[in-house]
Amino acid sequence: MSTELPMISVVVIGRNEGDRLIRCLESVKATSYPTEKIELIYVDSNSTDNSVSSAGDLGARVLESKAEPSTAAAARNLGFREAQYEIVQFLDGDTVLDGDWLRKGVEAIADASYACVFGSVMELEPQATIYNFWAHHDWHVTPGPAESCGGIAMFRRDVLGKAGGFDETLRAGEEPDLCHRITRDQGKSILCLDEPMVAHDIGMTRFSQYWARCARTGHAYAEVGGRNKGMHRWRSARWRNVAHAAAGPIAVVLSLGLRSWWPVAVWVGLLMIAIVRNALRLRGRVGSLRGALLYSFHHYLAKLPMAVGQFKYWLGLQ
């Protein structure tokens, strides 16, 4: 019954999203959750397009973030602090909300032991480019208890307040940092539901965009993993990235020094074995061996820009 459902605040953040923002806001208004129980907030980060007026025309309460530098963390903080209701659903302006997600999320987060719940994210056009395909499978999280969420998730507002919100000094990785602080300091849990939550529109078409995305992830590993000693998986990932990225150049140097192609051949052979083993492990989830091989290749390719992002952070270049 709609009378039994709680009021909820949906906070959408964006910058120059254009028609994607309109599509996102319309998906919120089309949800099966009663519209009279939804407070729709749009937080704009210095857009130069018509985002502000479009959001207003669609009935959203518009807030303009003036934070410098403009970050997702600052926009989300402004949104939840201005929200009226205890349950806050965060969305990005390049997503489309699943029609039944709010009901499913509200049902799960009624358990007060959960600070945050989230569902599955998928790409709208996973086959459009190889980068879309990789991103589509990057979104996967195994349903059940989770260490952290992404930026698109449902939170309890009081938990966010006690944690001080997202860390606005972080360039990336603010969501895992927040989840770590919540689970460590408040004893709450994070839950991934086996339910569709949003479709995402990454729209990635160039290798430079892919490189920048991976380097940003590496920056997050270095900064967030470095400051949170309890994030063991993140801390160990930093050194795996460095080891994998360094292996190729070391093999080349050895080949030149020894005047032999064997070091490079051994490196290439070990890399191919690792890619195939990983692909066999992922084949069931990805759906085909060919797709799993392509996705596994991305696993190892991404470690180079990630390592570059880490070193830029460590050297104070970012």
C-alpha atoms as a PDB file:
ATOM      1  CA  MET A   1       0.000   0.000   0.000  1.00  0.00           C
ATOM      2  CA  SER A   2       1.330   3.480  -0.885  1.00  0.00           C
ATOM      3  CA  THR A   3       0.295   4.771   2.545  1.00  0.00           C
ATOM      4  CA  GLU A   4       2.801   2.365   4.129  1.00  0.00           C
ATOM      5  CA  LEU A   5       5.729   3.565   2.052  1.00  0.00           C
ATOM      6  CA  PRO A   6       8.007   6.201   3.601  1.00  0.00           C
ATOM      7  CA  MET A   7       8.824   9.558   2.089  1.00  0.00           C
ATOM      8  CA  ILE A   8      12.097   9.518   0.189  1.00  0.00           C
ATOM      9  CA  SER A   9      14.507  12.111  -1.194  1.00  0.00           C
ATOM     10  CA  VAL A  10      16.042  11.414  -4.607  1.00  0.00           C
ATOM     11  CA  VAL A  11      19.201  13.471  -5.167  1.00  0.00           C
ATOM     12  CA  VAL A  12      20.409  13.693  -8.767  1.00  0.00           C
ATOM     13  CA  ILE A  13      23.775  15.312  -9.450  1.00  0.00           C
ATOM     14  CA  GLY A  14      25.082  16.465 -12.785  1.00  0.00           C
ATOM     15  CA  ARG A  15      27.045  18.873 -14.923  1.00  0.00           C
ATOM     16  CA  ASN A  16      26.244  19.576 -18.560  1.00  0.00           C
ATOM     17  CA  GLU A  17      24.338  16.305 -18.971  1.00  0.00           C
ATOM     18  CA  GLY A  18      21.892  17.754 -21.508  1.00  0.00           C
ATOM     19  CA  ASP A  19      19.241  15.323 -22.685  1.00  0.00           C
ATOM     20  CA  ARG A  20      20.651  12.597 -20.430  1.00  0.00           C
ATOM     21  CA  LEU A  21      19.593  14.631 -17.389  1.00  0.00           C
ATOM     22  CA  ILE A  22      16.063  15.031 -18.737  1.00  0.00           C
ATOM     23  CA  ARG A  23      15.890  11.283 -19.314  1.00  0.00           C
ATOM     24  CA  CYS A  24      17.144  10.642 -15.757  1.00  0.00           C
ATOM     25  CA  LEU A  25      14.628  12.964 -14.103  1.00  0.00           C
ATOM     26  CA  GLU A  26      11.797  11.575 -16.198  1.00  0.00           C
ATOM     27  CA  SER A  27      12.731   8.053 -15.088  1.00  0.00           C
ATOM     28  CA  VAL A  28      12.367   9.143 -11.454  1.00  0.00           C
ATOM     29  CA  LYS A  29       8.937  10.603 -12.164  1.00  0.00           C
ATOM     30  CA  ALA A  30       7.916   7.388 -13.979  1.00  0.00           C
ATOM     31  CA  THR A  31       8.891   5.055 -11.135  1.00  0.00           C
ATOM     32  CA  SER A  32       6.313   2.786  -9.506  1.00  0.00           C
ATOM     33  CA  TYR A  33       7.003   4.542  -6.200  1.00  0.00           C
ATOM     34  CA  PRO A  34       4.218   7.067  -5.446  1.00  0.00           C
ATOM     35  CA  THR A  35       5.325  10.422  -6.825  1.00  0.00           C
ATOM     36  CA  GLU A  36       3.759  12.280  -3.902  1.00  0.00           C
ATOM     37  CA  LYS A  37       6.208  10.467  -1.619  1.00  0.00           C
ATOM     38  CA  ILE A  38       9.298  11.515  -3.601  1.00  0.00           C
ATOM     39  CA  GLU A  39      11.226  14.720  -3.023  1.00  0.00           C
ATOM     40  CA  LEU A  40      13.195  15.224  -6.255  1.00  0.00           C
ATOM     41  CA  ILE A  41      16.368  17.313  -5.886  1.00  0.00           C
ATOM     42  CA  TYR A  42      18.804  18.213  -8.657  1.00  0.00           C
ATOM     43  CA  VAL A  43      22.255  19.478  -7.678  1.00  0.00           C
ATOM     44  CA  ASP A  44      24.040  21.230 -10.521  1.00  0.00           C
ATOM     45  CA  SER A  45      27.805  21.716 -10.614  1.00  0.00           C
ATOM     46  CA  ASN A  46      28.431  24.817 -12.732  1.00  0.00           C
ATOM     47  CA  SER A  47      26.692  23.631 -15.899  1.00  0.00           C
ATOM     48  CA  THR A  48      26.897  25.860 -18.947  1.00  0.00           C
ATOM     49  CA  ASP A  49      24.020  24.151 -20.757  1.00  0.00           C
ATOM     50  CA  ASN A  50      20.302  24.259 -19.942  1.00  0.00           C
ATOM     51  CA  SER A  51      20.486  21.681 -17.118  1.00  0.00           C
ATOM     52  CA  VAL A  52      19.223  24.031 -14.403  1.00  0.00           C
ATOM     53  CA  SER A  53      16.186  25.224 -16.342  1.00  0.00           C
ATOM     54  CA  SER A  54      15.388  21.715 -17.615  1.00  0.00           C
ATOM     55  CA  ALA A  55      15.430  20.295 -14.089  1.00  0.00           C
ATOM     56  CA  GLY A  56      13.208  23.090 -12.842  1.00  0.00           C
ATOM     57  CA  ASP A  57      10.745  22.531 -15.676  1.00  0.00           C
ATOM     58  CA  LEU A  58      10.491  18.870 -14.646  1.00  0.00           C
ATOM     59  CA  GLY A  59       9.572  19.788 -11.097  1.00  0.00           C
ATOM     60  CA  ALA A  60      12.914  19.170  -9.400  1.00  0.00           C
ATOM     61  CA  ARG A  61      14.108  21.359  -6.570  1.00  0.00           C
ATOM     62  CA  VAL A  62      17.303  22.812  -7.999  1.00  0.00           C
ATOM     63  CA  LEU A  63      20.418  23.451  -5.913  1.00  0.00           C
ATOM     64  CA  GLU A  64      23.584  24.914  -7.415  1.00  0.00           C
ATOM     65  CA  SER A  65      26.895  23.743  -5.999  1.00  0.00           C
ATOM     66  CA  LYS A  66      29.558  26.460  -6.062  1.00  0.00           C
ATOM     67  CA  ALA A  67      32.287  24.246  -4.595  1.00  0.00           C
ATOM     68  CA  GLU A  68      35.761  24.634  -6.044  1.00  0.00           C
ATOM     69  CA  PRO A  69      36.973  22.301  -7.288  1.00  0.00           C
ATOM     70  CA  SER A  70      33.622  20.982  -8.423  1.00  0.00           C
ATOM     71  CA  THR A  71      33.323  17.364  -7.243  1.00  0.00           C
ATOM     72  CA  ALA A  72      30.656  14.691  -7.034  1.00  0.00           C
ATOM     73  CA  ALA A  73      31.292  14.505  -3.279  1.00  0.00           C
ATOM     74  CA  ALA A  74      30.466  18.195  -2.809  1.00  0.00           C
ATOM     75  CA  ALA A  75      27.308  17.908  -4.910  1.00  0.00           C
ATOM     76  CA  ARG A  76      26.049  14.856  -3.030  1.00  0.00           C
ATOM     77  CA  ASN A  77      26.787  16.473   0.317  1.00  0.00           C
ATOM     78  CA  LEU A  78      24.791  19.556  -0.630  1.00  0.00           C
ATOM     79  CA  GLY A  79      21.930  17.349  -1.796  1.00  0.00           C
ATOM     80  CA  PHE A  80      21.588  15.142   1.262  1.00  0.00           C
ATOM     81  CA  ARG A  81      22.028  18.041   3.691  1.00  0.00           C
ATOM     82  CA  GLU A  82      19.170  19.890   2.026  1.00  0.00           C
ATOM     83  CA  ALA A  83      17.001  16.766   1.752  1.00  0.00           C
ATOM     84  CA  GLN A  84      13.928  16.574   3.980  1.00  0.00           C
ATOM     85  CA  TYR A  85      13.574  12.835   4.409  1.00  0.00           C
ATOM     86  CA  GLU A  86      15.397  10.030   6.172  1.00  0.00           C
ATOM     87  CA  ILE A  87      15.994   7.860   3.093  1.00  0.00           C
ATOM     88  CA  VAL A  88      18.152   9.375   0.353  1.00  0.00           C
ATOM     89  CA  GLN A  89      18.650   7.834  -3.067  1.00  0.00           C
ATOM     90  CA  PHE A  90      21.622   9.240  -4.993  1.00  0.00           C
ATOM     91  CA  LEU A  91      21.622   9.212  -8.792  1.00  0.00           C
ATOM     92  CA  ASP A  92      23.952  10.599 -11.445  1.00  0.00           C
ATOM     93  CA  GLY A  93      22.479  12.607 -14.279  1.00  0.00           C
ATOM     94  CA  ASP A  94      23.659  10.068 -16.873  1.00  0.00           C
ATOM     95  CA  THR A  95      21.589   7.214 -15.434  1.00  0.00           C
ATOM     96  CA  VAL A  96      18.071   5.860 -15.906  1.00  0.00           C
ATOM     97  CA  LEU A  97      16.331   4.626 -12.750  1.00  0.00           C
ATOM     98  CA  ASP A  98      14.699   1.207 -12.830  1.00  0.00           C
ATOM     99  CA  GLY A  99      10.961   1.569 -12.259  1.00  0.00           C
ATOM    100  CA  ASP A 100      10.805  -0.790  -9.275  1.00  0.00           C
ATOM    101  CA  TRP A 101      14.114  -0.016  -7.598  1.00  0.00           C
ATOM    102  CA  LEU A 102      12.892   2.503  -5.021  1.00  0.00           C
ATOM    103  CA  ARG A 103      10.345   0.031  -3.640  1.00  0.00           C
ATOM    104  CA  LYS A 104      12.942  -2.755  -3.474  1.00  0.00           C
ATOM    105  CA  GLY A 105      15.558  -0.506  -1.904  1.00  0.00           C
ATOM    106  CA  VAL A 106      13.188   0.933   0.697  1.00  0.00           C
ATOM    107  CA  GLU A 107      12.082  -2.560   1.696  1.00  0.00           C
ATOM    108  CA  ALA A 108      15.704  -3.643   2.272  1.00  0.00           C
ATOM    109  CA  ILE A 109      16.904  -0.514   4.070  1.00  0.00           C
ATOM    110  CA  ALA A 110      13.999  -0.797   6.528  1.00  0.00           C
ATOM    111  CA  ASP A 111      16.430  -3.085   8.359  1.00  0.00           C
ATOM    112  CA  ALA A 112      18.208  -0.543  10.540  1.00  0.00           C
ATOM    113  CA  SER A 113      21.448  -2.536  10.464  1.00  0.00           C
ATOM    114  CA  TYR A 114      21.982  -1.362   6.874  1.00  0.00           C
ATOM    115  CA  ALA A 115      23.437   2.077   6.258  1.00  0.00           C
ATOM    116  CA  CYS A 116      23.259   1.700   2.501  1.00  0.00           C
ATOM    117  CA  VAL A 117      21.707  -0.583  -0.103  1.00  0.00           C
ATOM    118  CA  PHE A 118      22.288  -0.674  -3.841  1.00  0.00           C
ATOM    119  CA  GLY A 119      21.437  -2.843  -6.790  1.00  0.00           C
ATOM    120  CA  SER A 120      22.896  -3.707 -10.163  1.00  0.00           C
ATOM    121  CA  VAL A 121      24.164  -1.121 -12.621  1.00  0.00           C
ATOM    122  CA  MET A 122      24.393  -1.856 -16.332  1.00  0.00           C
ATOM    123  CA  GLU A 123      25.302   0.120 -19.407  1.00  0.00           C
ATOM    124  CA  LEU A 124      22.499   1.272 -21.686  1.00  0.00           C
ATOM    125  CA  GLU A 125      24.522   0.340 -24.789  1.00  0.00           C
ATOM    126  CA  PRO A 126      27.174  -2.154 -23.714  1.00  0.00           C
ATOM    127  CA  GLN A 127      27.950  -3.179 -27.295  1.00  0.00           C
ATOM    128  CA  ALA A 128      28.321   0.352 -28.664  1.00  0.00           C
ATOM    129  CA  THR A 129      32.092   0.488 -28.044  1.00  0.00           C
ATOM    130  CA  ILE A 130      34.678  -1.753 -26.442  1.00  0.00           C
ATOM    131  CA  TYR A 131      34.928   0.807 -23.627  1.00  0.00           C
ATOM    132  CA  ASN A 132      31.186   0.582 -22.969  1.00  0.00           C
ATOM    133  CA  PHE A 133      31.527  -3.212 -22.882  1.00  0.00           C
ATOM    134  CA  TRP A 134      34.327  -3.041 -20.337  1.00  0.00           C
ATOM    135  CA  ALA A 135      32.452  -0.523 -18.182  1.00  0.00           C
ATOM    136  CA  HIS A 136      29.301  -2.649 -18.313  1.00  0.00           C
ATOM    137  CA  HIS A 137      31.105  -5.568 -16.706  1.00  0.00           C
ATOM    138  CA  ASP A 138      33.102  -3.343 -14.346  1.00  0.00           C
ATOM    139  CA  TRP A 139      29.823  -2.404 -12.644  1.00  0.00           C
ATOM    140  CA  HIS A 140      29.252  -5.972 -11.445  1.00  0.00           C
ATOM    141  CA  VAL A 141      29.099  -6.533  -7.682  1.00  0.00           C
ATOM    142  CA  THR A 142      28.242  -9.921  -6.221  1.00  0.00           C
ATOM    143  CA  PRO A 143      24.878  -9.627  -4.407  1.00  0.00           C
ATOM    144  CA  GLY A 144      25.061  -9.793  -0.622  1.00  0.00           C
ATOM    145  CA  PRO A 145      27.113  -7.963   2.009  1.00  0.00           C
ATOM    146  CA  ALA A 146      29.508  -5.514   0.347  1.00  0.00           C
ATOM    147  CA  GLU A 147      32.547  -3.522   1.414  1.00  0.00           C
ATOM    148  CA  SER A 148      31.369  -0.394  -0.376  1.00  0.00           C
ATOM    149  CA  CYS A 149      29.031   1.039  -2.987  1.00  0.00           C
ATOM    150  CA  GLY A 150      29.397   3.394  -5.920  1.00  0.00           C
ATOM    151  CA  GLY A 151      27.948   6.863  -6.132  1.00  0.00           C
ATOM    152  CA  ILE A 152      24.516   5.522  -7.091  1.00  0.00           C
ATOM    153  CA  ALA A 153      23.024   4.065  -3.925  1.00  0.00           C
ATOM    154  CA  MET A 154      20.373   4.468  -1.223  1.00  0.00           C
ATOM    155  CA  PHE A 155      21.494   5.732   2.203  1.00  0.00           C
ATOM    156  CA  ARG A 156      20.065   6.511   5.591  1.00  0.00           C
ATOM    157  CA  ARG A 157      20.369  10.263   6.028  1.00  0.00           C
ATOM    158  CA  ASP A 158      21.218  10.109   9.733  1.00  0.00           C
ATOM    159  CA  VAL A 159      24.119   7.753   9.012  1.00  0.00           C
ATOM    160  CA  LEU A 160      25.471  10.146   6.388  1.00  0.00           C
ATOM    161  CA  GLY A 161      25.230  12.982   8.876  1.00  0.00           C
ATOM    162  CA  LYS A 162      27.081  11.105  11.620  1.00  0.00           C
ATOM    163  CA  ALA A 163      29.834  10.225   9.162  1.00  0.00           C
ATOM    164  CA  GLY A 164      30.195  13.855   8.051  1.00  0.00           C
ATOM    165  CA  GLY A 165      29.137  12.991   4.518  1.00  0.00           C
ATOM    166  CA  PHE A 166      31.471  12.370   1.604  1.00  0.00           C
ATOM    167  CA  ASP A 167      35.038  13.651   1.872  1.00  0.00           C
ATOM    168  CA  GLU A 168      35.112  16.619  -0.498  1.00  0.00           C
ATOM    169  CA  THR A 169      38.922  16.679  -0.587  1.00  0.00           C
ATOM    170  CA  LEU A 170      39.001  13.410  -2.536  1.00  0.00           C
ATOM    171  CA  ARG A 171      39.264  13.514  -6.329  1.00  0.00           C
ATOM    172  CA  ALA A 172      37.965   9.956  -6.545  1.00  0.00           C
ATOM    173  CA  GLY A 173      37.083   7.027  -4.324  1.00  0.00           C
ATOM    174  CA  GLU A 174      34.887   9.073  -2.008  1.00  0.00           C
ATOM    175  CA  GLU A 175      32.211   6.344  -1.852  1.00  0.00           C
ATOM    176  CA  PRO A 176      34.468   3.496  -0.624  1.00  0.00           C
ATOM    177  CA  ASP A 177      36.052   5.937   1.821  1.00  0.00           C
ATOM    178  CA  LEU A 178      32.634   6.877   3.219  1.00  0.00           C
ATOM    179  CA  CYS A 179      31.474   3.246   3.422  1.00  0.00           C
ATOM    180  CA  HIS A 180      34.664   2.270   5.247  1.00  0.00           C
ATOM    181  CA  ARG A 181      34.173   5.021   7.813  1.00  0.00           C
ATOM    182  CA  ILE A 182      30.515   4.078   8.306  1.00  0.00           C
ATOM    183  CA  THR A 183      31.178   0.372   8.837  1.00  0.00           C
ATOM    184  CA  ARG A 184      34.204   1.074  11.035  1.00  0.00           C
ATOM    185  CA  ASP A 185      32.724   3.815  13.220  1.00  0.00           C
ATOM    186  CA  GLN A 186      28.996   3.061  13.272  1.00  0.00           C
ATOM    187  CA  GLY A 187      28.877  -0.717  12.937  1.00  0.00           C
ATOM    188  CA  LYS A 188      26.425  -0.518  10.032  1.00  0.00           C
ATOM    189  CA  SER A 189      26.473  -2.767   6.963  1.00  0.00           C
ATOM    190  CA  ILE A 190      26.359  -2.258   3.193  1.00  0.00           C
ATOM    191  CA  LEU A 191      24.103  -4.520   1.122  1.00  0.00           C
ATOM    192  CA  CYS A 192      24.049  -5.232  -2.605  1.00  0.00           C
ATOM    193  CA  LEU A 193      20.672  -6.500  -3.781  1.00  0.00           C
ATOM    194  CA  ASP A 194      20.214  -8.829  -6.709  1.00  0.00           C
ATOM    195  CA  GLU A 195      17.863  -6.287  -8.300  1.00  0.00           C
ATOM    196  CA  PRO A 196      18.278  -3.864 -11.219  1.00  0.00           C
ATOM    197  CA  MET A 197      18.857  -0.308 -10.000  1.00  0.00           C
ATOM    198  CA  VAL A 198      19.933   1.870 -12.936  1.00  0.00           C
ATOM    199  CA  ALA A 199      21.086   1.825 -16.519  1.00  0.00           C
ATOM    200  CA  HIS A 200      24.153   4.002 -17.044  1.00  0.00           C
ATOM    201  CA  ASP A 201      25.203   5.896 -20.155  1.00  0.00           C
ATOM    202  CA  ILE A 202      28.990   6.173 -20.076  1.00  0.00           C
ATOM    203  CA  GLY A 203      29.170   7.154 -23.758  1.00  0.00           C
ATOM    204  CA  MET A 204      32.890   6.389 -23.998  1.00  0.00           C
ATOM    205  CA  THR A 205      34.336   6.404 -27.509  1.00  0.00           C
ATOM    206  CA  ARG A 206      38.042   7.295 -27.191  1.00  0.00           C
ATOM    207  CA  PHE A 207      41.091   5.625 -25.656  1.00  0.00           C
ATOM    208  CA  SER A 208      42.006   8.916 -23.986  1.00  0.00           C
ATOM    209  CA  GLN A 209      38.732   8.772 -22.028  1.00  0.00           C
ATOM    210  CA  TYR A 210      39.461   5.192 -21.021  1.00  0.00           C
ATOM    211  CA  TRP A 211      42.987   6.103 -19.916  1.00  0.00           C
ATOM    212  CA  ALA A 212      41.720   9.054 -17.845  1.00  0.00           C
ATOM    213  CA  ARG A 213      39.066   6.893 -16.156  1.00  0.00           C
ATOM    214  CA  CYS A 214      41.594   4.214 -15.213  1.00  0.00           C
ATOM    215  CA  ALA A 215      44.172   6.776 -14.038  1.00  0.00           C
ATOM    216  CA  ARG A 216      41.510   8.342 -11.826  1.00  0.00           C
ATOM    217  CA  THR A 217      40.826   4.908 -10.341  1.00  0.00           C
ATOM    218  CA  GLY A 218      44.537   4.508  -9.650  1.00  0.00           C
ATOM    219  CA  HIS A 219      44.580   7.877  -7.912  1.00  0.00           C
ATOM    220  CA  ALA A 220      41.746   6.641  -5.695  1.00  0.00           C
ATOM    221  CA  TYR A 221      43.615   3.439  -4.843  1.00  0.00           C
ATOM    222  CA  ALA A 222      46.653   5.469  -3.811  1.00  0.00           C
ATOM    223  CA  GLU A 223      44.879   8.162  -1.806  1.00  0.00           C
ATOM    224  CA  VAL A 224      41.967   6.283  -0.225  1.00  0.00           C
ATOM    225  CA  GLY A 225      43.902   3.060   0.291  1.00  0.00           C
ATOM    226  CA  GLY A 226      46.780   5.003   1.782  1.00  0.00           C
ATOM    227  CA  ARG A 227      44.718   6.854   4.353  1.00  0.00           C
ATOM    228  CA  ASN A 228      42.535   3.888   5.435  1.00  0.00           C
ATOM    229  CA  LYS A 229      44.683   1.108   6.838  1.00  0.00           C
ATOM    230  CA  GLY A 230      41.627  -1.130   7.231  1.00  0.00           C
ATOM    231  CA  MET A 231      40.975  -1.203   3.481  1.00  0.00           C
ATOM    232  CA  HIS A 232      43.262  -4.181   2.903  1.00  0.00           C
ATOM    233  CA  ARG A 233      41.987  -5.044  -0.572  1.00  0.00           C
ATOM    234  CA  TRP A 234      42.535  -1.508  -1.815  1.00  0.00           C
ATOM    235  CA  ARG A 235      45.981  -1.292  -0.232  1.00  0.00           C
ATOM    236  CA  SER A 236      47.166  -4.533  -1.813  1.00  0.00           C
ATOM    237  CA  ALA A 237      45.684  -3.561  -5.205  1.00  0.00           C
ATOM    238  CA  ARG A 238      48.058  -0.597  -5.348  1.00  0.00           C
ATOM    239  CA  TRP A 239      51.106  -2.839  -5.406  1.00  0.00           C
ATOM    240  CA  ARG A 240      49.584  -5.314  -7.837  1.00  0.00           C
ATOM    241  CA  ASN A 241      48.987  -2.440 -10.252  1.00  0.00           C
ATOM    242  CA  VAL A 242      52.598  -1.299  -9.924  1.00  0.00           C
ATOM    243  CA  ALA A 243      53.972  -4.838 -10.327  1.00  0.00           C
ATOM    244  CA  HIS A 244      51.933  -5.565 -13.463  1.00  0.00           C
ATOM    245  CA  ALA A 245      52.704  -2.174 -15.011  1.00  0.00           C
ATOM    246  CA  ALA A 246      56.433  -2.527 -14.326  1.00  0.00           C
ATOM    247  CA  ALA A 247      56.748  -6.090 -15.640  1.00  0.00           C
ATOM    248  CA  GLY A 248      56.664  -5.112 -19.331  1.00  0.00           C
ATOM    249  CA  PRO A 249      59.294  -2.332 -19.173  1.00  0.00           C
ATOM    250  CA  ILE A 250      61.544  -4.539 -17.016  1.00  0.00           C
ATOM    251  CA  ALA A 251      61.285  -7.354 -19.566  1.00  0.00           C
ATOM    252  CA  VAL A 252      62.196  -4.944 -22.388  1.00  0.00           C
ATOM    253  CA  VAL A 253      65.203  -3.592 -20.476  1.00  0.00           C
ATOM    254  CA  LEU A 254      66.403  -7.128 -19.731  1.00  0.00           C
ATOM    255  CA  SER A 255      66.009  -8.116 -23.379  1.00  0.00           C
ATOM    256  CA  LEU A 256      68.042  -5.136 -24.491  1.00  0.00           C
ATOM    257  CA  GLY A 257      70.680  -5.703 -21.845  1.00  0.00           C
ATOM    258  CA  LEU A 258      71.001  -9.420 -22.551  1.00  0.00           C
ATOM    259  CA  ARG A 259      70.513  -8.980 -26.298  1.00  0.00           C
ATOM    260  CA  SER A 260      67.922 -11.721 -26.164  1.00  0.00           C
ATOM    261  CA  TRP A 261      64.210 -11.819 -26.867  1.00  0.00           C
ATOM    262  CA  TRP A 262      63.621 -14.374 -24.104  1.00  0.00           C
ATOM    263  CA  PRO A 263      62.714 -11.958 -21.263  1.00  0.00           C
ATOM    264  CA  VAL A 264      60.027 -10.306 -23.405  1.00  0.00           C
ATOM    265  CA  ALA A 265      58.795 -13.704 -24.611  1.00  0.00           C
ATOM    266  CA  VAL A 266      58.502 -14.985 -21.051  1.00  0.00           C
ATOM    267  CA  TRP A 267      56.625 -11.827 -19.990  1.00  0.00           C
ATOM    268  CA  VAL A 268      54.200 -12.077 -22.935  1.00  0.00           C
ATOM    269  CA  GLY A 269      53.655 -15.782 -22.278  1.00  0.00           C
ATOM    270  CA  LEU A 270      52.926 -15.291 -18.584  1.00  0.00           C
ATOM    271  CA  LEU A 271      50.585 -12.397 -19.399  1.00  0.00           C
ATOM    272  CA  MET A 272      48.655 -14.487 -21.926  1.00  0.00           C
ATOM    273  CA  ILE A 273      48.320 -17.326 -19.415  1.00  0.00           C
ATOM    274  CA  ALA A 274      46.989 -14.893 -16.793  1.00  0.00           C
ATOM    275  CA  ILE A 275      44.462 -13.413 -19.253  1.00  0.00           C
ATOM    276  CA  VAL A 276      43.178 -16.839 -20.297  1.00  0.00           C
ATOM    277  CA  ARG A 277      42.909 -18.119 -16.707  1.00  0.00           C
ATOM    278  CA  ASN A 278      40.991 -15.004 -15.703  1.00  0.00           C
ATOM    279  CA  ALA A 279      38.718 -15.329 -18.748  1.00  0.00           C
ATOM    280  CA  LEU A 280      37.862 -18.923 -17.900  1.00  0.00           C
ATOM    281  CA  ARG A 281      36.900 -17.795 -14.406  1.00  0.00           C
ATOM    282  CA  LEU A 282      34.703 -14.982 -15.767  1.00  0.00           C
ATOM    283  CA  ARG A 283      33.153 -16.808 -18.723  1.00  0.00           C
ATOM    284  CA  GLY A 284      29.928 -17.679 -16.902  1.00  0.00           C
ATOM    285  CA  ARG A 285      29.296 -14.108 -15.785  1.00  0.00           C
ATOM    286  CA  VAL A 286      30.266 -12.412 -19.045  1.00  0.00           C
ATOM    287  CA  GLY A 287      28.337 -14.901 -21.178  1.00  0.00           C
ATOM    288  CA  SER A 288      30.913 -16.105 -23.710  1.00  0.00           C
ATOM    289  CA  LEU A 289      34.582 -17.034 -23.835  1.00  0.00           C
ATOM    290  CA  ARG A 290      35.274 -14.349 -26.444  1.00  0.00           C
ATOM    291  CA  GLY A 291      33.671 -11.677 -24.274  1.00  0.00           C
ATOM    292  CA  ALA A 292      35.475 -12.977 -21.199  1.00  0.00           C
ATOM    293  CA  LEU A 293      38.824 -12.801 -23.026  1.00  0.00           C
ATOM    294  CA  LEU A 294      38.139  -9.202 -24.082  1.00  0.00           C
ATOM    295  CA  TYR A 295      37.138  -8.253 -20.566  1.00  0.00           C
ATOM    296  CA  SER A 296      40.110 -10.057 -19.022  1.00  0.00           C
ATOM    297  CA  PHE A 297      42.436  -8.168 -21.397  1.00  0.00           C
ATOM    298  CA  HIS A 298      41.014  -4.938 -19.970  1.00  0.00           C
ATOM    299  CA  HIS A 299      41.841  -6.164 -16.438  1.00  0.00           C
ATOM    300  CA  TYR A 300      45.543  -6.177 -17.277  1.00  0.00           C
ATOM    301  CA  LEU A 301      45.608  -3.247 -19.698  1.00  0.00           C
ATOM    302  CA  ALA A 302      43.982  -0.990 -17.085  1.00  0.00           C
ATOM    303  CA  LYS A 303      46.780  -1.597 -14.598  1.00  0.00           C
ATOM    304  CA  LEU A 304      49.164   0.626 -16.580  1.00  0.00           C
ATOM    305  CA  PRO A 305      47.080   3.856 -16.409  1.00  0.00           C
ATOM    306  CA  MET A 306      46.097   2.937 -12.833  1.00  0.00           C
ATOM    307  CA  ALA A 307      49.772   2.747 -11.866  1.00  0.00           C
ATOM    308  CA  VAL A 308      50.397   6.070 -13.618  1.00  0.00           C
ATOM    309  CA  GLY A 309      47.542   7.634 -11.627  1.00  0.00           C
ATOM    310  CA  GLN A 310      49.006   6.240  -8.414  1.00  0.00           C
ATOM    311  CA  PHE A 311      52.480   7.575  -9.105  1.00  0.00           C
ATOM    312  CA  LYS A 312      51.116  11.009 -10.035  1.00  0.00           C
ATOM    313  CA  TYR A 313      49.384  11.133  -6.666  1.00  0.00           C
ATOM    314  CA  TRP A 314      52.433   9.895  -4.754  1.00  0.00           C
ATOM    315  CA  LEU A 315      54.636  12.457  -6.522  1.00  0.00           C
ATOM    316  CA  GLY A 316      52.189  15.299  -5.905  1.00  0.00           C
ATOM    317  CA  LEU A 317      51.493  15.803  -9.605  1.00  0.00           C
ATOM    318  CA  GLN A 318      47.688  15.652  -9.203  1.00  0.00           C
END
